[in-house]
Structure formats: structure tokens, C-alpha cells
PDB file of N, CA and C in Angstrom:
ATOM      1  N   UNK A   1      74.850  58.765  25.758  1.00  0.00           N
ATOM      2  CA  UNK A   1      74.027  57.667  25.743  1.00  0.00           C
ATOM      3  C   UNK A   1      72.162  58.101  26.591  1.00  0.00           C
ATOM      4  N   UNK A   2      71.238  57.611  25.831  1.00  0.00           N
ATOM      5  CA  UNK A   2      69.847  58.173  26.444  1.00  0.00           C
ATOM      6  C   UNK A   2      69.472  57.290  27.335  1.00  0.00           C
ATOM      7  N   UNK A   3      69.150  57.583  28.813  1.00  0.00           N
ATOM      8  CA  UNK A   3      68.739  56.803  29.450  1.00  0.00           C
ATOM      9  C   UNK A   3      67.005  56.620  29.688  1.00  0.00           C
ATOM     10  N   UNK A   4      67.006  55.002  29.834  1.00  0.00           N
ATOM     11  CA  UNK A   4      65.602  54.896  29.369  1.00  0.00           C
ATOM     12  C   UNK A   4      64.512  55.340  30.784  1.00  0.00           C
ATOM     13  N   UNK A   5      63.550  54.795  30.229  1.00  0.00           N
ATOM     14  CA  UNK A   5      62.198  55.541  31.766  1.00  0.00           C
ATOM     15  C   UNK A   5      62.456  53.900  32.836  1.00  0.00           C
ATOM     16  N   UNK A   6      62.166  54.483  33.930  1.00  0.00           N
ATOM     17  CA  UNK A   6      62.118  54.101  35.444  1.00  0.00           C
ATOM     18  C   UNK A   6      61.446  52.310  34.621  1.00  0.00           C
ATOM     19  N   UNK A   7      60.336  52.381  34.002  1.00  0.00           N
ATOM     20  CA  UNK A   7      59.524  51.010  33.356  1.00  0.00           C
ATOM     21  C   UNK A   7      60.527  50.178  32.635  1.00  0.00           C
ATOM     22  N   UNK A   8      61.455  50.591  31.291  1.00  0.00           N
ATOM     23  CA  UNK A   8      61.712  49.914  30.873  1.00  0.00           C
ATOM     24  C   UNK A   8      62.760  49.883  31.396  1.00  0.00           C
ATOM     25  N   UNK A   9      63.729  50.385  32.339  1.00  0.00           N
ATOM     26  CA  UNK A   9      64.772  50.074  33.023  1.00  0.00           C
ATOM     27  C   UNK A   9      64.613  49.317  33.758  1.00  0.00           C
ATOM     28  N   UNK A  10      63.864  49.122  34.727  1.00  0.00           N
ATOM     29  CA  UNK A  10      63.175  48.052  35.542  1.00  0.00           C
ATOM     30  C   UNK A  10      62.825  46.502  34.749  1.00  0.00           C
ATOM     31  N   UNK A  11      62.583  46.983  33.558  1.00  0.00           N
ATOM     32  CA  UNK A  11      62.205  45.035  32.653  1.00  0.00           C
ATOM     33  C   UNK A  11      63.805  45.003  32.260  1.00  0.00           C
ATOM     34  N   UNK A  12      64.258  45.674  31.458  1.00  0.00           N
ATOM     35  CA  UNK A  12      66.068  45.105  31.119  1.00  0.00           C
ATOM     36  C   UNK A  12      66.744  44.846  32.568  1.00  0.00           C
ATOM     37  N   UNK A  13      66.743  45.229  33.532  1.00  0.00           N
ATOM     38  CA  UNK A  13      67.127  45.197  34.654  1.00  0.00           C
ATOM     39  C   UNK A  13      66.981  43.680  35.185  1.00  0.00           C
ATOM     40  N   UNK A  14      65.492  43.308  35.214  1.00  0.00           N
ATOM     41  CA  UNK A  14      64.852  41.690  35.167  1.00  0.00           C
ATOM     42  C   UNK A  14      65.367  40.601  34.410  1.00  0.00           C
ATOM     43  N   UNK A  15      65.066  41.252  33.318  1.00  0.00           N
ATOM     44  CA  UNK A  15      65.920  40.374  32.075  1.00  0.00           C
ATOM     45  C   UNK A  15      67.120  40.226  31.836  1.00  0.00           C
ATOM     46  N   UNK A  16      67.726  40.916  32.665  1.00  0.00           N
ATOM     47  CA  UNK A  16      69.475  40.533  33.104  1.00  0.00           C
ATOM     48  C   UNK A  16      69.566  40.121  33.827  1.00  0.00           C
ATOM     49  N   UNK A  17      68.831  40.214  35.074  1.00  0.00           N
ATOM     50  CA  UNK A  17      69.382  38.956  35.841  1.00  0.00           C
ATOM     51  C   UNK A  17      68.192  37.984  35.905  1.00  0.00           C
ATOM     52  N   UNK A  18      67.455  37.486  34.605  1.00  0.00           N
ATOM     53  CA  UNK A  18      66.668  36.368  34.351  1.00  0.00           C
ATOM     54  C   UNK A  18      68.259  35.890  33.813  1.00  0.00           C
ATOM     55  N   UNK A  19      68.984  36.297  32.860  1.00  0.00           N
ATOM     56  CA  UNK A  19      70.032  35.518  31.709  1.00  0.00           C
ATOM     57  C   UNK A  19      71.332  35.542  32.866  1.00  0.00           C
ATOM     58  N   UNK A  20      71.505  36.280  33.674  1.00  0.00           N
ATOM     59  CA  UNK A  20      72.570  36.046  34.873  1.00  0.00           C
ATOM     60  C   UNK A  20      72.598  34.126  35.060  1.00  0.00           C
ATOM     61  N   UNK A  21      71.182  34.816  35.609  1.00  0.00           N
ATOM     62  CA  UNK A  21      70.812  33.434  36.487  1.00  0.00           C
ATOM     63  C   UNK A  21      70.957  32.360  35.232  1.00  0.00           C
ATOM     64  N   UNK A  22      70.193  32.039  34.254  1.00  0.00           N
ATOM     65  CA  UNK A  22      70.453  30.960  33.497  1.00  0.00           C
ATOM     66  C   UNK A  22      72.002  30.198  33.346  1.00  0.00           C
ATOM     67  N   UNK A  23      72.839  31.319  33.034  1.00  0.00           N
ATOM     68  CA  UNK A  23      73.847  31.105  32.651  1.00  0.00           C
ATOM     69  C   UNK A  23      74.724  29.891  34.104  1.00  0.00           C
ATOM     70  N   UNK A  24      74.401  31.428  34.768  1.00  0.00           N
ATOM     71  CA  UNK A  24      74.743  30.569  36.422  1.00  0.00           C
ATOM     72  C   UNK A  24      74.252  29.348  36.668  1.00  0.00           C
ATOM     73  N   UNK A  25      72.886  28.577  35.963  1.00  0.00           N
ATOM     74  CA  UNK A  25      72.211  27.387  36.256  1.00  0.00           C
ATOM     75  C   UNK A  25      72.962  26.314  34.969  1.00  0.00           C
ATOM     76  N   UNK A  26      72.640  26.655  34.308  1.00  0.00           N
ATOM     77  CA  UNK A  26      73.981  26.242  33.110  1.00  0.00           C
ATOM     78  C   UNK A  26      75.130  25.496  33.347  1.00  0.00           C
ATOM     79  N   UNK A  27      75.741  26.549  34.083  1.00  0.00           N
ATOM     80  CA  UNK A  27      76.907  26.332  34.549  1.00  0.00           C
ATOM     81  C   UNK A  27      77.166  25.423  36.002  1.00  0.00           C
ATOM     82  N   UNK A  28      75.939  25.712  36.781  1.00  0.00           N
ATOM     83  CA  UNK A  28      76.232  24.687  37.658  1.00  0.00           C
ATOM     84  C   UNK A  28      76.704  25.543  38.752  1.00  0.00           C
ATOM     85  N   UNK A  29      77.026  26.784  38.848  1.00  0.00           N
ATOM     86  CA  UNK A  29      78.063  27.345  39.720  1.00  0.00           C
ATOM     87  C   UNK A  29      77.440  27.396  41.224  1.00  0.00           C
ATOM     88  N   UNK A  30      76.640  27.619  41.626  1.00  0.00           N
ATOM     89  CA  UNK A  30      75.950  27.542  42.791  1.00  0.00           C
ATOM     90  C   UNK A  30      76.560  26.278  43.203  1.00  0.00           C
ATOM     91  N   UNK A  31      76.121  24.909  43.110  1.00  0.00           N
ATOM     92  CA  UNK A  31      75.628  24.309  44.180  1.00  0.00           C
ATOM     93  C   UNK A  31      76.645  23.052  43.650  1.00  0.00           C
ATOM     94  N   UNK A  32      77.988  22.919  43.018  1.00  0.00           N
ATOM     95  CA  UNK A  32      78.600  22.111  42.727  1.00  0.00           C
ATOM     96  C   UNK A  32      79.892  22.316  43.221  1.00  0.00           C
ATOM     97  N   UNK A  33      79.976  21.707  44.228  1.00  0.00           N
ATOM     98  CA  UNK A  33      81.803  21.218  45.340  1.00  0.00           C
ATOM     99  C   UNK A  33      82.877  21.467  44.430  1.00  0.00           C
ATOM    100  N   UNK A  34      83.757  21.818  44.477  1.00  0.00           N
ATOM    101  CA  UNK A  34      85.126  21.686  44.056  1.00  0.00           C
ATOM    102  C   UNK A  34      85.941  20.261  43.607  1.00  0.00           C
ATOM    103  N   UNK A  35      85.486  19.301  44.591  1.00  0.00           N
ATOM    104  CA  UNK A  35      85.752  18.441  44.537  1.00  0.00           C
ATOM    105  C   UNK A  35      85.094  17.317  43.478  1.00  0.00           C
ATOM    106  N   UNK A  36      83.582  17.861  43.515  1.00  0.00           N
ATOM    107  CA  UNK A  36      82.877  17.202  42.397  1.00  0.00           C
ATOM    108  C   UNK A  36      83.390  17.892  40.974  1.00  0.00           C
ATOM    109  N   UNK A  37      83.420  18.548  41.109  1.00  0.00           N
ATOM    110  CA  UNK A  37      83.835  19.506  40.150  1.00  0.00           C
ATOM    111  C   UNK A  37      85.018  18.870  39.489  1.00  0.00           C
ATOM    112  N   UNK A  38      86.568  18.450  40.351  1.00  0.00           N
ATOM    113  CA  UNK A  38      87.389  18.000  39.571  1.00  0.00           C
ATOM    114  C   UNK A  38      87.257  16.601  38.946  1.00  0.00           C
ATOM    115  N   UNK A  39      86.222  15.560  39.876  1.00  0.00           N
ATOM    116  CA  UNK A  39      86.335  14.613  39.517  1.00  0.00           C
ATOM    117  C   UNK A  39      85.087  14.234  37.940  1.00  0.00           C
ATOM    118  N   UNK A  40      84.479  15.059  37.883  1.00  0.00           N
ATOM    119  CA  UNK A  40      83.482  15.464  36.409  1.00  0.00           C
ATOM    120  C   UNK A  40      84.228  15.821  35.540  1.00  0.00           C
ATOM    121  N   UNK A  41      85.747  16.427  36.038  1.00  0.00           N
ATOM    122  CA  UNK A  41      86.637  16.781  34.787  1.00  0.00           C
ATOM    123  C   UNK A  41      87.536  15.746  34.307  1.00  0.00           C
ATOM    124  N   UNK A  42      87.801  15.702  35.323  1.00  0.00           N
ATOM    125  CA  UNK A  42      88.469  14.232  35.458  1.00  0.00           C
ATOM    126  C   UNK A  42      87.966  12.653  34.925  1.00  0.00           C
ATOM    127  N   UNK A  43      86.578  12.351  35.019  1.00  0.00           N
ATOM    128  CA  UNK A  43      85.986  11.643  33.779  1.00  0.00           C
ATOM    129  C   UNK A  43      85.389  12.291  32.983  1.00  0.00           C
ATOM    130  N   UNK A  44      85.338  12.977  31.994  1.00  0.00           N
ATOM    131  CA  UNK A  44      85.205  13.865  30.916  1.00  0.00           C
ATOM    132  C   UNK A  44      85.957  14.067  30.000  1.00  0.00           C
ATOM    133  N   UNK A  45      87.331  13.709  30.490  1.00  0.00           N
ATOM    134  CA  UNK A  45      88.614  14.054  29.864  1.00  0.00           C
ATOM    135  C   UNK A  45      88.686  13.376  28.633  1.00  0.00           C
ATOM    136  N   UNK A  46      88.172  11.589  29.308  1.00  0.00           N
ATOM    137  CA  UNK A  46      88.210  10.548  28.547  1.00  0.00           C
ATOM    138  C   UNK A  46      86.611   9.980  27.281  1.00  0.00           C
ATOM    139  N   UNK A  47      86.065  11.364  27.492  1.00  0.00           N
ATOM    140  CA  UNK A  47      84.594  10.741  26.699  1.00  0.00           C
ATOM    141  C   UNK A  47      84.595  12.415  25.802  1.00  0.00           C
ATOM    142  N   UNK A  48      84.636  12.082  24.406  1.00  0.00           N
ATOM    143  CA  UNK A  48      84.578  13.297  23.359  1.00  0.00           C
ATOM    144  C   UNK A  48      82.884  13.681  23.754  1.00  0.00           C
ATOM    145  N   UNK A  49      82.495  13.398  24.097  1.00  0.00           N
ATOM    146  CA  UNK A  49      81.156  13.985  24.206  1.00  0.00           C
ATOM    147  C   UNK A  49      80.203  14.712  25.135  1.00  0.00           C
ATOM    148  N   UNK A  50      81.326  14.143  26.001  1.00  0.00           N
ATOM    149  CA  UNK A  50      80.975  14.825  27.408  1.00  0.00           C
ATOM    150  C   UNK A  50      82.048  16.470  27.437  1.00  0.00           C
ATOM    151  N   UNK A  51      82.879  16.376  26.090  1.00  0.00           N
ATOM    152  CA  UNK A  51      83.712  17.579  26.140  1.00  0.00           C
ATOM    153  C   UNK A  51      82.599  18.439  25.001  1.00  0.00           C
ATOM    154  N   UNK A  52      81.963  17.804  24.514  1.00  0.00           N
ATOM    155  CA  UNK A  52      81.336  18.604  23.295  1.00  0.00           C
ATOM    156  C   UNK A  52      79.708  18.986  23.898  1.00  0.00           C
ATOM    157  N   UNK A  53      80.118  18.480  25.251  1.00  0.00           N
ATOM    158  CA  UNK A  53      78.608  19.066  25.578  1.00  0.00           C
ATOM    159  C   UNK A  53      79.161  20.064  26.923  1.00  0.00           C
ATOM    160  N   UNK A  54      79.885  19.904  27.913  1.00  0.00           N
ATOM    161  CA  UNK A  54      81.125  20.980  28.689  1.00  0.00           C
ATOM    162  C   UNK A  54      80.599  22.320  27.541  1.00  0.00           C
ATOM    163  N   UNK A  55      81.725  22.107  26.643  1.00  0.00           N
ATOM    164  CA  UNK A  55      81.772  23.481  25.281  1.00  0.00           C
ATOM    165  C   UNK A  55      80.841  24.140  25.307  1.00  0.00           C
ATOM    166  N   UNK A  56      79.624  23.591  24.744  1.00  0.00           N
ATOM    167  CA  UNK A  56      78.278  23.602  24.576  1.00  0.00           C
ATOM    168  C   UNK A  56      77.785  24.654  25.990  1.00  0.00           C
ATOM    169  N   UNK A  57      78.427  23.553  26.982  1.00  0.00           N
ATOM    170  CA  UNK A  57      77.323  24.437  28.221  1.00  0.00           C
ATOM    171  C   UNK A  57      78.222  26.099  28.309  1.00  0.00           C
ATOM    172  N   UNK A  58      79.465  26.482  27.876  1.00  0.00           N
ATOM    173  CA  UNK A  58      80.378  26.968  28.351  1.00  0.00           C
ATOM    174  C   UNK A  58      80.015  28.019  27.574  1.00  0.00           C
ATOM    175  N   UNK A  59      80.045  27.797  26.098  1.00  0.00           N
ATOM    176  CA  UNK A  59      79.222  28.709  25.032  1.00  0.00           C
ATOM    177  C   UNK A  59      77.850  29.062  25.473  1.00  0.00           C
ATOM    178  N   UNK A  60      76.669  28.729  25.801  1.00  0.00           N
ATOM    179  CA  UNK A  60      75.252  29.125  26.267  1.00  0.00           C
ATOM    180  C   UNK A  60      76.017  29.819  27.108  1.00  0.00           C
ATOM    181  N   UNK A  61      76.499  29.751  28.033  1.00  0.00           N
ATOM    182  CA  UNK A  61      76.452  30.363  29.790  1.00  0.00           C
ATOM    183  C   UNK A  61      76.797  32.108  28.853  1.00  0.00           C
ATOM    184  N   UNK A  62      78.217  32.049  28.279  1.00  0.00           N
ATOM    185  CA  UNK A  62      78.696  32.851  27.573  1.00  0.00           C
ATOM    186  C   UNK A  62      77.651  34.098  26.632  1.00  0.00           C
ATOM    187  N   UNK A  63      76.917  33.517  26.498  1.00  0.00           N
ATOM    188  CA  UNK A  63      76.159  34.222  25.201  1.00  0.00           C
ATOM    189  C   UNK A  63      74.705  35.023  26.065  1.00  0.00           C
ATOM    190  N   UNK A  64      74.891  33.745  27.399  1.00  0.00           N
ATOM    191  CA  UNK A  64      73.655  34.027  28.273  1.00  0.00           C
ATOM    192  C   UNK A  64      74.169  35.609  28.960  1.00  0.00           C
ATOM    193  N   UNK A  65      75.566  35.899  29.659  1.00  0.00           N
ATOM    194  CA  UNK A  65      75.451  36.764  30.185  1.00  0.00           C
ATOM    195  C   UNK A  65      76.094  37.562  29.326  1.00  0.00           C
ATOM    196  N   UNK A  66      76.254  37.523  28.303  1.00  0.00           N
ATOM    197  CA  UNK A  66      76.650  38.436  27.231  1.00  0.00           C
ATOM    198  C   UNK A  66      76.037  39.002  26.841  1.00  0.00           C
ATOM    199  N   UNK A  67      74.628  39.228  26.393  1.00  0.00           N
ATOM    200  CA  UNK A  67      73.375  39.549  26.442  1.00  0.00           C
ATOM    201  C   UNK A  67      72.625  39.840  27.660  1.00  0.00           C
ATOM    202  N   UNK A  68      72.903  39.883  29.156  1.00  0.00           N
ATOM    203  CA  UNK A  68      72.548  40.204  30.471  1.00  0.00           C
ATOM    204  C   UNK A  68      73.498  41.622  30.193  1.00  0.00           C
ATOM    205  N   UNK A  69      74.821  41.377  29.865  1.00  0.00           N
ATOM    206  CA  UNK A  69      75.245  42.756  30.263  1.00  0.00           C
ATOM    207  C   UNK A  69      75.126  44.183  28.931  1.00  0.00           C
ATOM    208  N   UNK A  70      74.824  43.357  27.780  1.00  0.00           N
ATOM    209  CA  UNK A  70      74.169  44.595  26.690  1.00  0.00           C
ATOM    210  C   UNK A  70      72.855  44.525  27.051  1.00  0.00           C
ATOM    211  N   UNK A  71      72.264  44.170  27.931  1.00  0.00           N
ATOM    212  CA  UNK A  71      71.267  44.605  28.623  1.00  0.00           C
ATOM    213  C   UNK A  71      71.055  45.745  29.530  1.00  0.00           C
ATOM    214  N   UNK A  72      71.854  45.333  30.377  1.00  0.00           N
ATOM    215  CA  UNK A  72      72.577  46.435  31.539  1.00  0.00           C
ATOM    216  C   UNK A  72      72.979  47.389  30.960  1.00  0.00           C
ATOM    217  N   UNK A  73      73.868  47.714  29.360  1.00  0.00           N
ATOM    218  CA  UNK A  73      74.619  48.598  29.231  1.00  0.00           C
ATOM    219  C   UNK A  73      73.830  49.765  28.985  1.00  0.00           C
ATOM    220  N   UNK A  74      72.470  49.332  28.254  1.00  0.00           N
ATOM    221  CA  UNK A  74      71.465  50.414  27.808  1.00  0.00           C
ATOM    222  C   UNK A  74      70.484  50.961  28.936  1.00  0.00           C
ATOM    223  N   UNK A  75      70.738  50.391  29.762  1.00  0.00           N
ATOM    224  CA  UNK A  75      70.215  51.100  31.099  1.00  0.00           C
ATOM    225  C   UNK A  75      70.734  52.328  32.020  1.00  0.00           C
ATOM    226  N   UNK A  76      71.918  52.228  31.770  1.00  0.00           N
ATOM    227  CA  UNK A  76      72.733  53.510  32.554  1.00  0.00           C
ATOM    228  C   UNK A  76      73.308  54.726  31.711  1.00  0.00           C
ATOM    229  N   UNK A  77      73.460  55.317  32.295  1.00  0.00           N
ATOM    230  CA  UNK A  77      74.155  56.679  31.608  1.00  0.00           C
ATOM    231  C   UNK A  77      75.494  56.714  31.415  1.00  0.00           C
ATOM    232  N   UNK A  78      76.173  56.507  31.897  1.00  0.00           N
ATOM    233  CA  UNK A  78      77.720  56.680  32.820  1.00  0.00           C
ATOM    234  C   UNK A  78      78.161  55.664  32.267  1.00  0.00           C
ATOM    235  N   UNK A  79      79.352  55.295  32.077  1.00  0.00           N
ATOM    236  CA  UNK A  79      79.707  53.712  31.985  1.00  0.00           C
ATOM    237  C   UNK A  79      80.761  53.451  33.475  1.00  0.00           C
ATOM    238  N   UNK A  80      80.955  54.268  34.022  1.00  0.00           N
ATOM    239  CA  UNK A  80      81.009  53.554  35.920  1.00  0.00           C
ATOM    240  C   UNK A  80      80.081  53.199  36.448  1.00  0.00           C
ATOM    241  N   UNK A  81      78.337  53.605  36.423  1.00  0.00           N
ATOM    242  CA  UNK A  81      77.579  52.775  36.583  1.00  0.00           C
ATOM    243  C   UNK A  81      77.193  51.255  36.408  1.00  0.00           C
ATOM    244  N   UNK A  82      77.858  51.076  35.150  1.00  0.00           N
ATOM    245  CA  UNK A  82      77.794  50.049  34.516  1.00  0.00           C
ATOM    246  C   UNK A  82      78.191  49.012  35.184  1.00  0.00           C
ATOM    247  N   UNK A  83      79.404  49.387  36.026  1.00  0.00           N
ATOM    248  CA  UNK A  83      79.828  48.079  36.949  1.00  0.00           C
ATOM    249  C   UNK A  83      79.111  48.029  37.913  1.00  0.00           C
ATOM    250  N   UNK A  84      78.590  48.835  38.391  1.00  0.00           N
ATOM    251  CA  UNK A  84      77.726  48.932  39.250  1.00  0.00           C
ATOM    252  C   UNK A  84      76.508  47.969  39.589  1.00  0.00           C
ATOM    253  N   UNK A  85      75.760  48.128  38.152  1.00  0.00           N
ATOM    254  CA  UNK A  85      74.492  47.373  37.709  1.00  0.00           C
ATOM    255  C   UNK A  85      74.424  45.401  37.673  1.00  0.00           C
ATOM    256  N   UNK A  86      75.691  45.875  36.743  1.00  0.00           N
ATOM    257  CA  UNK A  86      76.209  44.407  36.037  1.00  0.00           C
ATOM    258  C   UNK A  86      76.683  43.700  37.623  1.00  0.00           C
ATOM    259  N   UNK A  87      77.545  44.253  38.594  1.00  0.00           N
ATOM    260  CA  UNK A  87      77.384  43.252  39.671  1.00  0.00           C
ATOM    261  C   UNK A  87      76.241  43.164  40.568  1.00  0.00           C
ATOM    262  N   UNK A  88      75.346  43.894  40.461  1.00  0.00           N
ATOM    263  CA  UNK A  88      74.355  43.480  41.282  1.00  0.00           C
ATOM    264  C   UNK A  88      73.252  43.073  40.786  1.00  0.00           C
ATOM    265  N   UNK A  89      73.345  42.932  39.124  1.00  0.00           N
ATOM    266  CA  UNK A  89      72.850  41.655  39.113  1.00  0.00           C
ATOM    267  C   UNK A  89      73.460  40.208  39.099  1.00  0.00           C
ATOM    268  N   UNK A  90      74.672  40.272  39.177  1.00  0.00           N
ATOM    269  CA  UNK A  90      75.090  39.405  39.026  1.00  0.00           C
ATOM    270  C   UNK A  90      74.501  38.426  40.337  1.00  0.00           C
ATOM    271  N   UNK A  91      75.042  39.282  41.152  1.00  0.00           N
ATOM    272  CA  UNK A  91      74.581  38.642  42.985  1.00  0.00           C
ATOM    273  C   UNK A  91      73.193  38.156  42.985  1.00  0.00           C
ATOM    274  N   UNK A  92      72.097  38.975  42.289  1.00  0.00           N
ATOM    275  CA  UNK A  92      70.798  38.526  42.102  1.00  0.00           C
ATOM    276  C   UNK A  92      70.897  37.576  41.525  1.00  0.00           C
ATOM    277  N   UNK A  93      71.066  37.566  40.284  1.00  0.00           N
ATOM    278  CA  UNK A  93      71.713  36.122  39.784  1.00  0.00           C
ATOM    279  C   UNK A  93      72.231  34.985  40.502  1.00  0.00           C
ATOM    280  N   UNK A  94      73.033  35.571  40.813  1.00  0.00           N
ATOM    281  CA  UNK A  94      73.298  33.847  42.237  1.00  0.00           C
ATOM    282  C   UNK A  94      72.740  33.805  43.241  1.00  0.00           C
ATOM    283  N   UNK A  95      71.558  34.464  44.014  1.00  0.00           N
ATOM    284  CA  UNK A  95      70.830  33.683  44.838  1.00  0.00           C
ATOM    285  C   UNK A  95      69.755  33.200  43.832  1.00  0.00           C
ATOM    286  N   UNK A  96      69.086  33.639  42.713  1.00  0.00           N
ATOM    287  CA  UNK A  96      68.159  32.964  42.259  1.00  0.00           C
ATOM    288  C   UNK A  96      68.651  31.746  41.764  1.00  0.00           C
ATOM    289  N   UNK A  97      69.727  31.699  41.346  1.00  0.00           N
ATOM    290  CA  UNK A  97      70.645  30.294  41.165  1.00  0.00           C
ATOM    291  C   UNK A  97      70.653  29.079  42.314  1.00  0.00           C
ATOM    292  N   UNK A  98      70.813  29.884  43.312  1.00  0.00           N
ATOM    293  CA  UNK A  98      70.477  28.833  44.796  1.00  0.00           C
ATOM    294  C   UNK A  98      69.131  28.546  45.198  1.00  0.00           C
ATOM    295  N   UNK A  99      68.444  29.366  44.887  1.00  0.00           N
ATOM    296  CA  UNK A  99      67.181  29.196  44.762  1.00  0.00           C
ATOM    297  C   UNK A  99      66.575  28.374  44.403  1.00  0.00           C
ATOM    298  N   UNK A 100      66.958  28.283  42.809  1.00  0.00           N
ATOM    299  CA  UNK A 100      65.832  27.625  42.129  1.00  0.00           C
ATOM    300  C   UNK A 100      66.484  26.533  41.334  1.00  0.00           C
ATOM    301  N   UNK A 101      67.843  27.067  40.572  1.00  0.00           N
ATOM    302  CA  UNK A 101      68.952  25.937  40.142  1.00  0.00           C
ATOM    303  C   UNK A 101      69.019  24.488  40.507  1.00  0.00           C
ATOM    304  N   UNK A 102      69.481  23.985  41.946  1.00  0.00           N
ATOM    305  CA  UNK A 102      69.186  22.821  41.972  1.00  0.00           C
ATOM    306  C   UNK A 102      67.820  22.265  41.873  1.00  0.00           C
ATOM    307  N   UNK A 103      66.639  22.520  42.004  1.00  0.00           N
ATOM    308  CA  UNK A 103      65.352  21.978  41.259  1.00  0.00           C
ATOM    309  C   UNK A 103      65.112  21.906  39.758  1.00  0.00           C
ATOM    310  N   UNK A 104      65.678  22.666  39.176  1.00  0.00           N
ATOM    311  CA  UNK A 104      65.222  22.861  37.471  1.00  0.00           C
ATOM    312  C   UNK A 104      66.550  21.699  37.052  1.00  0.00           C
ATOM    313  N   UNK A 105      68.088  21.777  37.522  1.00  0.00           N
ATOM    314  CA  UNK A 105      68.277  20.824  37.146  1.00  0.00           C
ATOM    315  C   UNK A 105      68.376  18.869  37.531  1.00  0.00           C
ATOM    316  N   UNK A 106      67.380  19.183  38.382  1.00  0.00           N
ATOM    317  CA  UNK A 106      66.734  18.582  39.026  1.00  0.00           C
ATOM    318  C   UNK A 106      65.485  17.476  38.225  1.00  0.00           C
ATOM    319  N   UNK A 107      64.798  18.399  38.066  1.00  0.00           N
ATOM    320  CA  UNK A 107      63.672  18.338  36.800  1.00  0.00           C
ATOM    321  C   UNK A 107      64.249  17.443  35.743  1.00  0.00           C
ATOM    322  N   UNK A 108      65.348  18.228  35.224  1.00  0.00           N
ATOM    323  CA  UNK A 108      66.375  17.413  33.514  1.00  0.00           C
ATOM    324  C   UNK A 108      66.450  16.162  34.003  1.00  0.00           C
ATOM    325  N   UNK A 109      67.270  16.028  34.641  1.00  0.00           N
ATOM    326  CA  UNK A 109      67.831  14.429  34.998  1.00  0.00           C
ATOM    327  C   UNK A 109      66.040  13.632  35.098  1.00  0.00           C
TER     328      UNK A 109
END
């Protein structure tokens, strides 16, 4: 695999962090308590529209994670390095989600 230039690699990693953060914001991972999650699932079981929205959120988040992983793979030269790069992008994305996720979801409502 040919490694990218430093600037190109930095841009790709930044985009991967943004995509990972978008997936975590869509999934509402960092701020939803387990009790609230169970209550939302219990309430959503009886509403087909809620199940469809949840499935759409799941698929959209999975697509964002897959796109981020594709960007991460293009940066590394060894496959063992991909695990480290992807782990760090996910940790950084979780921090970004904790900082701006609640505000973004609040604007939507």
C-alpha cells in the first residue's frame, strides 16, 4: 500500500473523525442513559414509524462508520496500524460527540 502525504493523511483522518462523530451523534451514544434507552425501546416497539426511524438511524450510522474506516485504511501502510488509527479516531469522535452532540440534537428538536 502506498502511504499518503502528511497533509493528505491529516485531512483523511480529520474526515474520518467527523464521520465517526456523526455516527455517534446520530446513534446518541454518549448521552443516553441505559434506562432511557430501554424506555425508548419499550415505547418504540408498538410504533412502526419509530422502528423505521430507528432502522434508518442504524443504517446511516453504519454507513458513516464504514466510510470513516475506508478513509482510515487509505492512510496506513500496514494493516496492524489501521487498528490503532481507527481506535484513536473513534475515541476522538466520542469526545467530539460529548462536546457538541447534545447541542446538535437540541437544535433538531
